[in-house]
Amino acid sequence: MRIAVFDTHAFDREALERANADHDHDLRFFEPRLTAETAALAAGFDAICSFVNDRLDEKALGVLHRGGTRLVALRSAGFNHVDLGAAVRLGLTVVRVPEYSPHAVAEHAVALLLTLNRKTHRAYNRVREANFSLDGLVGFDLHGKAVGVVGTGRIGSALLRILHGFGCQLLACDLTPDVALARELGVRYVALDDLFSGSDVISLHVPLTASTQHLIDEAALARMKRGIVLINTSRGALIDARALVAALKRGHVGGAGLDVYEEEADVFFQDLSGQVLQDDVLARLLTFPNTLITSHQGFLTHEALTNIAETTLASVSAFERGGPLAHEVRPAMHAEPPESPTG
């Protein structure tokens, strides 16, 4: 099949081209994100392949449909950026990658936590300037600290196993507690308010839905311990960024490690180093010495990229053969699956 791949980066192209050796599709790569304005680039293509920050609204899907597209292949687990109702009305099939590497995201969450706590990013910059002072670099032992994990699906469970190795006290909150995991690791499932008030560190691993948007807001932050460290590798809108800024300013939040940001779509995955950053909230977050932001790279491992490419192209091949589609997305599904790490 002819596939138009949007929002392409070098790592996407390399992984897809390797995986395509087993499928022999005609891949054409486009740098722009897929929107209503760029969808015309896919005219004449049987399928399009999109990333998490593309915008597949009714208008964009209409342009794709008129251009001959029949399949929308998402190289992500999340699909809240797709108007599924419009896709059904237009006869477009949508598939996704439900799982690629929970370990990649869980390990990145730990990397953010360790870097924030032991301030290795600041130490690295100091030493490069021949400043060998240790002032201001004091951290804390993770051993014995209470770490609350919100969401214990594949990623949350992987994180809990890592934290168990550090000797942390493990708290968790999930609509469906994992009894076997609790027994294996000694995880204590508690109500969300109790997790907020009892944790020294909190890591978020839940989907973005109407009920979880701004899960961490001013009221939630007020219930947390002074000095709380927040880690978010799931969805930016789980945290009210303005409330976080206010809590950082007054010293209530001891650290924030963010791989996602609510308004990231117009910023992340781009080189804006020669421009003035227009997002005032993000610019303010970047000024805090106890805030560490990465640009949605939690999924970025060789293993995850390989799994994404192979699953995506396997779905395209199955569609081409007219066979069953294991990873088809339907409107009856939740707006977003649990713990979709790439958005």
Protein backbone atom coordinates (compact mmCIF):
# COMPACT_ATOMS: atom_id res chain seq x y z
CA MET A 1 0.00 0.00 0.00
CA ARG A 2 1.02 3.62 -0.48
CA ILE A 3 1.43 5.18 2.95
CA ALA A 4 1.90 8.89 3.69
CA VAL A 5 3.82 9.19 6.95
CA PHE A 6 3.31 12.54 8.67
CA ASP A 7 5.24 14.37 11.39
CA THR A 8 8.32 12.37 10.45
CA HIS A 9 11.60 12.50 12.35
CA ALA A 10 14.81 10.68 11.56
CA PHE A 11 14.16 8.06 14.24
CA ASP A 12 10.68 7.35 12.79
CA ARG A 13 11.98 6.94 9.25
CA GLU A 14 14.82 4.60 10.24
CA ALA A 15 12.54 2.33 12.29
CA LEU A 16 9.79 2.22 9.65
CA GLU A 17 12.18 1.54 6.81
CA ARG A 18 13.75 -1.35 8.74
CA ALA A 19 10.36 -2.84 9.56
CA ASN A 20 9.14 -2.36 5.98
CA ALA A 21 11.66 -4.92 4.72
CA ASP A 22 9.09 -7.53 5.78
CA HIS A 23 6.11 -5.75 4.21
CA ASP A 24 7.24 -3.87 1.09
CA HIS A 25 4.82 -0.94 1.37
CA ASP A 26 5.44 2.32 -0.49
CA LEU A 27 6.39 4.74 2.30
CA ARG A 28 6.50 8.48 1.64
CA PHE A 29 7.66 10.69 4.49
CA PHE A 30 6.38 14.19 5.23
CA GLU A 31 7.81 16.48 7.91
CA PRO A 32 4.65 18.56 8.57
CA ARG A 33 2.12 17.47 11.14
CA LEU A 34 -1.13 16.14 9.80
CA THR A 35 -3.84 18.80 10.07
CA ALA A 36 -6.71 19.99 7.91
CA GLU A 37 -4.21 22.31 6.20
CA THR A 38 -1.67 19.57 5.37
CA ALA A 39 -3.98 16.60 4.74
CA ALA A 40 -4.02 17.31 0.99
CA LEU A 41 -0.43 16.03 0.87
CA ALA A 42 -1.89 12.54 1.28
CA ALA A 43 -3.97 12.71 -1.92
CA GLY A 44 -3.63 9.43 -3.78
CA PHE A 45 -2.33 7.49 -0.76
CA ASP A 46 -4.22 4.44 0.47
CA ALA A 47 -3.17 4.99 4.07
CA ILE A 48 -1.73 7.67 6.28
CA CYS A 49 0.47 7.16 9.34
CA SER A 50 0.20 9.85 12.00
CA PHE A 51 1.81 10.72 15.32
CA VAL A 52 0.41 11.85 18.63
CA ASN A 53 0.36 15.62 18.03
CA ASP A 54 -1.32 15.45 14.62
CA ARG A 55 -4.89 16.77 14.53
CA LEU A 56 -7.27 14.41 12.81
CA ASP A 57 -10.48 16.36 13.26
CA GLU A 58 -13.54 16.04 10.99
CA LYS A 59 -12.16 18.55 8.50
CA ALA A 60 -8.78 16.81 8.19
CA LEU A 61 -10.42 13.39 7.88
CA GLY A 62 -12.73 14.76 5.17
CA VAL A 63 -9.74 15.92 3.13
CA LEU A 64 -8.10 12.51 3.54
CA HIS A 65 -11.28 10.71 2.50
CA ARG A 66 -11.69 12.81 -0.64
CA GLY A 67 -8.05 12.12 -1.50
CA GLY A 68 -8.60 8.37 -1.46
CA THR A 69 -7.31 7.44 1.98
CA ARG A 70 -8.97 4.37 3.49
CA LEU A 71 -6.79 3.63 6.52
CA VAL A 72 -5.51 5.84 9.37
CA ALA A 73 -2.59 4.12 11.10
CA LEU A 74 -1.62 5.77 14.37
CA ARG A 75 1.93 5.11 15.51
CA SER A 76 0.82 5.79 19.06
CA ALA A 77 -1.35 4.20 21.72
CA GLY A 78 -3.39 7.33 22.37
CA PHE A 79 -6.15 8.29 19.95
CA ASN A 80 -7.84 11.26 21.61
CA HIS A 81 -6.57 13.43 18.73
CA VAL A 82 -8.81 11.57 16.24
CA ASP A 83 -12.49 12.30 15.65
CA LEU A 84 -13.56 8.65 15.61
CA GLY A 85 -17.18 9.48 14.92
CA ALA A 86 -16.21 11.34 11.78
CA ALA A 87 -13.90 8.49 10.75
CA VAL A 88 -16.79 6.02 10.94
CA ARG A 89 -19.10 8.30 8.96
CA LEU A 90 -16.46 8.63 6.25
CA GLY A 91 -15.70 4.92 6.16
CA LEU A 92 -12.13 5.34 7.40
CA THR A 93 -10.57 2.54 9.44
CA VAL A 94 -8.35 3.59 12.35
CA VAL A 95 -5.68 1.38 13.95
CA ARG A 96 -3.19 2.10 16.71
CA VAL A 97 -0.22 0.63 18.58
CA PRO A 98 -1.65 -0.34 21.98
CA GLU A 99 1.65 -1.32 23.56
CA TYR A 100 5.29 -1.00 22.63
CA SER A 101 7.52 -0.72 25.70
CA PRO A 102 6.15 0.10 29.13
CA HIS A 103 9.70 -0.24 30.42
CA ALA A 104 10.84 2.70 28.27
CA VAL A 105 8.39 5.11 29.91
CA ALA A 106 8.78 3.72 33.43
CA GLU A 107 12.57 3.98 33.19
CA HIS A 108 12.30 7.56 31.92
CA ALA A 109 10.12 8.43 34.91
CA VAL A 110 12.85 7.09 37.20
CA ALA A 111 15.48 9.01 35.24
CA LEU A 112 13.55 12.25 35.82
CA LEU A 113 13.16 11.46 39.51
CA LEU A 114 16.82 10.59 40.09
CA THR A 115 18.06 13.58 38.12
CA LEU A 116 15.81 15.97 40.04
CA ASN A 117 16.64 14.46 43.40
CA ARG A 118 20.43 14.21 43.05
CA LYS A 119 20.62 17.29 40.80
CA THR A 120 22.94 15.59 38.34
CA HIS A 121 21.88 17.96 35.55
CA ARG A 122 23.07 20.94 37.61
CA ALA A 123 26.24 19.16 38.73
CA TYR A 124 27.06 18.29 35.11
CA ASN A 125 26.86 21.92 34.03
CA ARG A 126 28.89 23.10 37.03
CA VAL A 127 31.75 20.69 36.49
CA ARG A 128 31.99 21.61 32.81
CA GLU A 129 32.73 25.16 33.99
CA ALA A 130 35.29 23.89 36.54
CA ASN A 131 32.90 24.60 39.43
CA PHE A 132 33.31 21.65 41.80
CA SER A 133 31.26 23.06 44.66
CA LEU A 134 28.63 20.77 46.21
CA ASP A 135 26.55 23.61 47.65
CA GLY A 136 22.91 23.31 46.66
CA LEU A 137 23.20 19.73 45.43
CA VAL A 138 21.85 17.90 48.49
CA GLY A 139 19.26 15.24 47.68
CA PHE A 140 17.52 12.53 49.67
CA ASP A 141 17.60 8.74 49.89
CA LEU A 142 14.83 7.14 47.86
CA HIS A 143 15.11 4.11 50.14
CA GLY A 144 12.26 4.21 52.62
CA LYS A 145 10.42 7.09 50.96
CA ALA A 146 6.73 6.77 50.17
CA VAL A 147 6.16 6.86 46.40
CA GLY A 148 2.60 7.09 45.13
CA VAL A 149 1.84 5.74 41.66
CA VAL A 150 -1.46 6.83 40.13
CA GLY A 151 -2.44 4.16 37.60
CA THR A 152 -1.03 0.63 37.80
CA GLY A 153 -1.42 -0.64 34.27
CA ARG A 154 1.58 -1.81 32.25
CA ILE A 155 3.71 1.31 32.80
CA GLY A 156 2.69 1.92 36.40
CA SER A 157 3.40 -1.73 37.26
CA ALA A 158 6.82 -1.56 35.61
CA LEU A 159 7.60 1.57 37.62
CA LEU A 160 6.50 -0.04 40.88
CA ARG A 161 8.83 -2.96 40.25
CA ILE A 162 11.75 -0.56 39.74
CA LEU A 163 10.86 1.41 42.88
CA HIS A 164 10.58 -1.81 44.85
CA GLY A 165 14.24 -2.38 44.05
CA PHE A 166 15.06 0.99 45.61
CA GLY A 167 13.37 -0.06 48.84
CA CYS A 168 10.55 2.51 48.61
CA GLN A 169 7.23 2.32 50.40
CA LEU A 170 4.80 1.76 47.56
CA LEU A 171 1.38 3.43 47.46
CA ALA A 172 -0.95 3.13 44.49
CA CYS A 173 -4.35 4.23 43.27
CA ASP A 174 -6.25 2.59 40.44
CA LEU A 175 -9.89 1.95 39.57
CA THR A 176 -9.00 -1.74 39.33
CA PRO A 177 -6.34 -2.65 41.92
CA ASP A 178 -3.89 -5.34 40.85
CA VAL A 179 -4.15 -7.81 43.73
CA ALA A 180 -1.30 -9.99 42.45
CA LEU A 181 0.99 -6.97 42.10
CA ALA A 182 0.12 -5.79 45.59
CA ARG A 183 0.94 -9.21 47.00
CA GLU A 184 4.19 -9.53 45.02
CA LEU A 185 5.62 -6.08 45.80
CA GLY A 186 3.84 -5.06 48.97
CA VAL A 187 1.98 -2.27 47.19
CA ARG A 188 -0.69 -0.61 49.33
CA TYR A 189 -3.70 0.59 47.35
CA VAL A 190 -5.24 3.71 48.86
CA ALA A 191 -7.76 6.39 47.95
CA LEU A 192 -6.42 9.21 45.78
CA ASP A 193 -6.62 11.78 48.60
CA ASP A 194 -4.64 9.45 50.87
CA LEU A 195 -2.04 8.97 48.16
CA PHE A 196 -1.76 12.74 47.75
CA SER A 197 -1.28 13.34 51.46
CA GLY A 198 0.92 10.33 52.22
CA SER A 199 3.47 10.38 49.40
CA ASP A 200 6.91 11.95 49.20
CA VAL A 201 6.96 11.37 45.43
CA ILE A 202 3.99 11.02 43.07
CA SER A 203 4.16 9.63 39.52
CA LEU A 204 1.21 9.81 37.12
CA HIS A 205 0.29 6.94 34.77
CA VAL A 206 -3.37 7.36 33.85
CA PRO A 207 -5.14 8.27 30.60
CA LEU A 208 -6.44 11.74 29.84
CA THR A 209 -10.21 11.76 30.17
CA ALA A 210 -12.80 14.29 31.30
CA SER A 211 -12.41 12.97 34.85
CA THR A 212 -8.59 13.07 34.91
CA GLN A 213 -8.03 16.44 33.24
CA HIS A 214 -6.25 18.64 35.80
CA LEU A 215 -6.21 15.74 38.24
CA ILE A 216 -3.40 17.70 39.87
CA ASP A 217 -4.89 21.14 40.47
CA GLU A 218 -4.58 23.78 43.18
CA ALA A 219 -6.71 21.79 45.63
CA ALA A 220 -4.81 18.55 45.03
CA LEU A 221 -1.44 20.28 45.42
CA ALA A 222 -2.59 21.78 48.72
CA ARG A 223 -3.26 18.27 50.08
CA MET A 224 0.28 17.12 49.30
CA LYS A 225 3.27 17.25 51.61
CA ARG A 226 5.46 20.31 51.42
CA GLY A 227 8.43 19.32 49.26
CA ILE A 228 6.47 16.82 47.15
CA VAL A 229 8.20 15.68 43.96
CA LEU A 230 5.84 15.25 40.97
CA ILE A 231 6.63 13.12 37.93
CA ASN A 232 4.43 13.10 34.81
CA THR A 233 5.23 10.98 31.78
CA SER A 234 1.59 10.37 30.77
CA ARG A 235 -0.40 13.38 29.57
CA GLY A 236 0.36 17.03 30.12
CA ALA A 237 -3.23 18.00 30.90
CA LEU A 238 -3.26 15.76 33.98
CA ILE A 239 -1.55 18.71 35.70
CA ASP A 240 -2.85 22.27 35.83
CA ALA A 241 0.39 23.94 34.80
CA ARG A 242 -0.60 27.35 36.20
CA ALA A 243 -1.37 25.79 39.59
CA LEU A 244 1.98 23.99 39.46
CA VAL A 245 3.80 27.25 38.78
CA ALA A 246 2.12 28.85 41.79
CA ALA A 247 3.02 25.88 44.03
CA LEU A 248 6.64 25.97 42.83
CA LYS A 249 6.86 29.71 43.48
CA ARG A 250 5.75 29.36 47.11
CA GLY A 251 8.07 26.40 47.67
CA HIS A 252 5.34 23.85 48.30
CA VAL A 253 6.45 21.59 45.43
CA GLY A 254 10.01 20.40 45.89
CA GLY A 255 10.50 19.26 42.31
CA ALA A 256 8.66 18.56 39.07
CA GLY A 257 9.82 16.17 36.36
CA LEU A 258 7.68 16.57 33.24
CA ASP A 259 7.98 14.67 29.98
CA VAL A 260 4.63 16.05 28.84
CA TYR A 261 2.97 19.45 28.90
CA GLU A 262 -0.64 20.49 28.35
CA GLU A 263 0.11 22.80 25.42
CA GLU A 264 3.00 20.80 24.00
CA ALA A 265 1.56 20.32 20.50
CA ASP A 266 2.99 23.57 19.14
CA VAL A 267 6.34 23.25 20.95
CA PHE A 268 7.60 19.70 21.45
CA PHE A 269 9.46 17.80 18.71
CA GLN A 270 10.68 21.09 17.19
CA ASP A 271 13.88 23.14 17.37
CA LEU A 272 12.77 26.56 18.61
CA SER A 273 16.19 27.57 19.91
CA GLY A 274 16.38 30.52 17.52
CA GLN A 275 12.96 31.89 18.46
CA VAL A 276 11.26 33.57 21.39
CA LEU A 277 9.17 31.02 23.27
CA GLN A 278 5.58 32.25 23.06
CA ASP A 279 4.13 29.98 25.78
CA ASP A 280 4.44 32.07 28.96
CA VAL A 281 3.55 29.20 31.33
CA LEU A 282 6.13 26.85 29.83
CA ALA A 283 8.70 29.65 29.83
CA ARG A 284 8.05 30.20 33.53
CA LEU A 285 8.36 26.50 34.32
CA LEU A 286 11.74 26.44 32.61
CA THR A 287 13.05 29.09 35.02
CA PHE A 288 12.73 26.91 38.13
CA PRO A 289 15.94 25.13 39.17
CA ASN A 290 13.87 22.28 40.62
CA THR A 291 11.90 21.62 37.45
CA LEU A 292 13.12 19.25 34.75
CA ILE A 293 11.30 19.13 31.41
CA THR A 294 11.93 16.75 28.54
CA SER A 295 10.04 16.94 25.26
CA HIS A 296 7.90 13.78 25.34
CA GLN A 297 10.81 11.40 24.90
CA GLY A 298 9.74 8.72 27.35
CA PHE A 299 8.97 6.32 24.49
CA LEU A 300 12.24 6.99 22.69
CA THR A 301 14.16 3.72 22.89
CA HIS A 302 15.28 1.38 20.11
CA GLU A 303 12.98 -1.32 21.41
CA ALA A 304 9.91 0.91 21.53
CA LEU A 305 10.54 2.42 18.09
CA THR A 306 10.98 -1.05 16.61
CA ASN A 307 7.74 -2.28 18.18
CA ILE A 308 5.84 0.80 16.99
CA ALA A 309 7.05 0.41 13.41
CA GLU A 310 6.46 -3.33 13.26
CA THR A 311 2.97 -3.16 14.78
CA THR A 312 1.95 -0.25 12.55
CA LEU A 313 3.05 -1.90 9.32
CA ALA A 314 1.60 -5.26 10.35
CA SER A 315 -1.78 -3.56 10.78
CA VAL A 316 -1.46 -1.98 7.33
CA SER A 317 -0.64 -5.38 5.82
CA ALA A 318 -3.61 -6.99 7.58
CA PHE A 319 -5.89 -4.25 6.26
CA GLU A 320 -4.54 -4.73 2.74
CA ARG A 321 -5.28 -8.48 2.92
CA GLY A 322 -8.76 -7.82 4.26
CA GLY A 323 -7.98 -9.81 7.39
CA PRO A 324 -9.01 -9.09 10.99
CA LEU A 325 -7.47 -6.00 12.60
CA ALA A 326 -6.26 -6.69 16.13
CA HIS A 327 -5.67 -3.03 16.93
CA GLU A 328 -8.62 -1.27 15.35
CA VAL A 329 -9.96 1.77 17.24
CA ARG A 330 -13.72 2.19 17.49
CA PRO A 331 -15.84 5.07 18.85
CA ALA A 332 -17.18 2.87 21.66
CA MET A 333 -13.69 2.72 23.17
CA HIS A 334 -12.56 5.21 25.81
CA ALA A 335 -11.20 8.53 24.56
CA GLU A 336 -7.77 7.23 25.33
CA PRO A 337 -6.41 3.87 26.46
CA PRO A 338 -4.80 3.45 29.87
CA GLU A 339 -1.25 4.66 30.07
CA SER A 340 -0.56 5.59 26.46
CA PRO A 341 2.98 6.93 26.73
CA THR A 342 3.31 8.86 23.48
CA GLY A 343 0.40 10.86 23.76
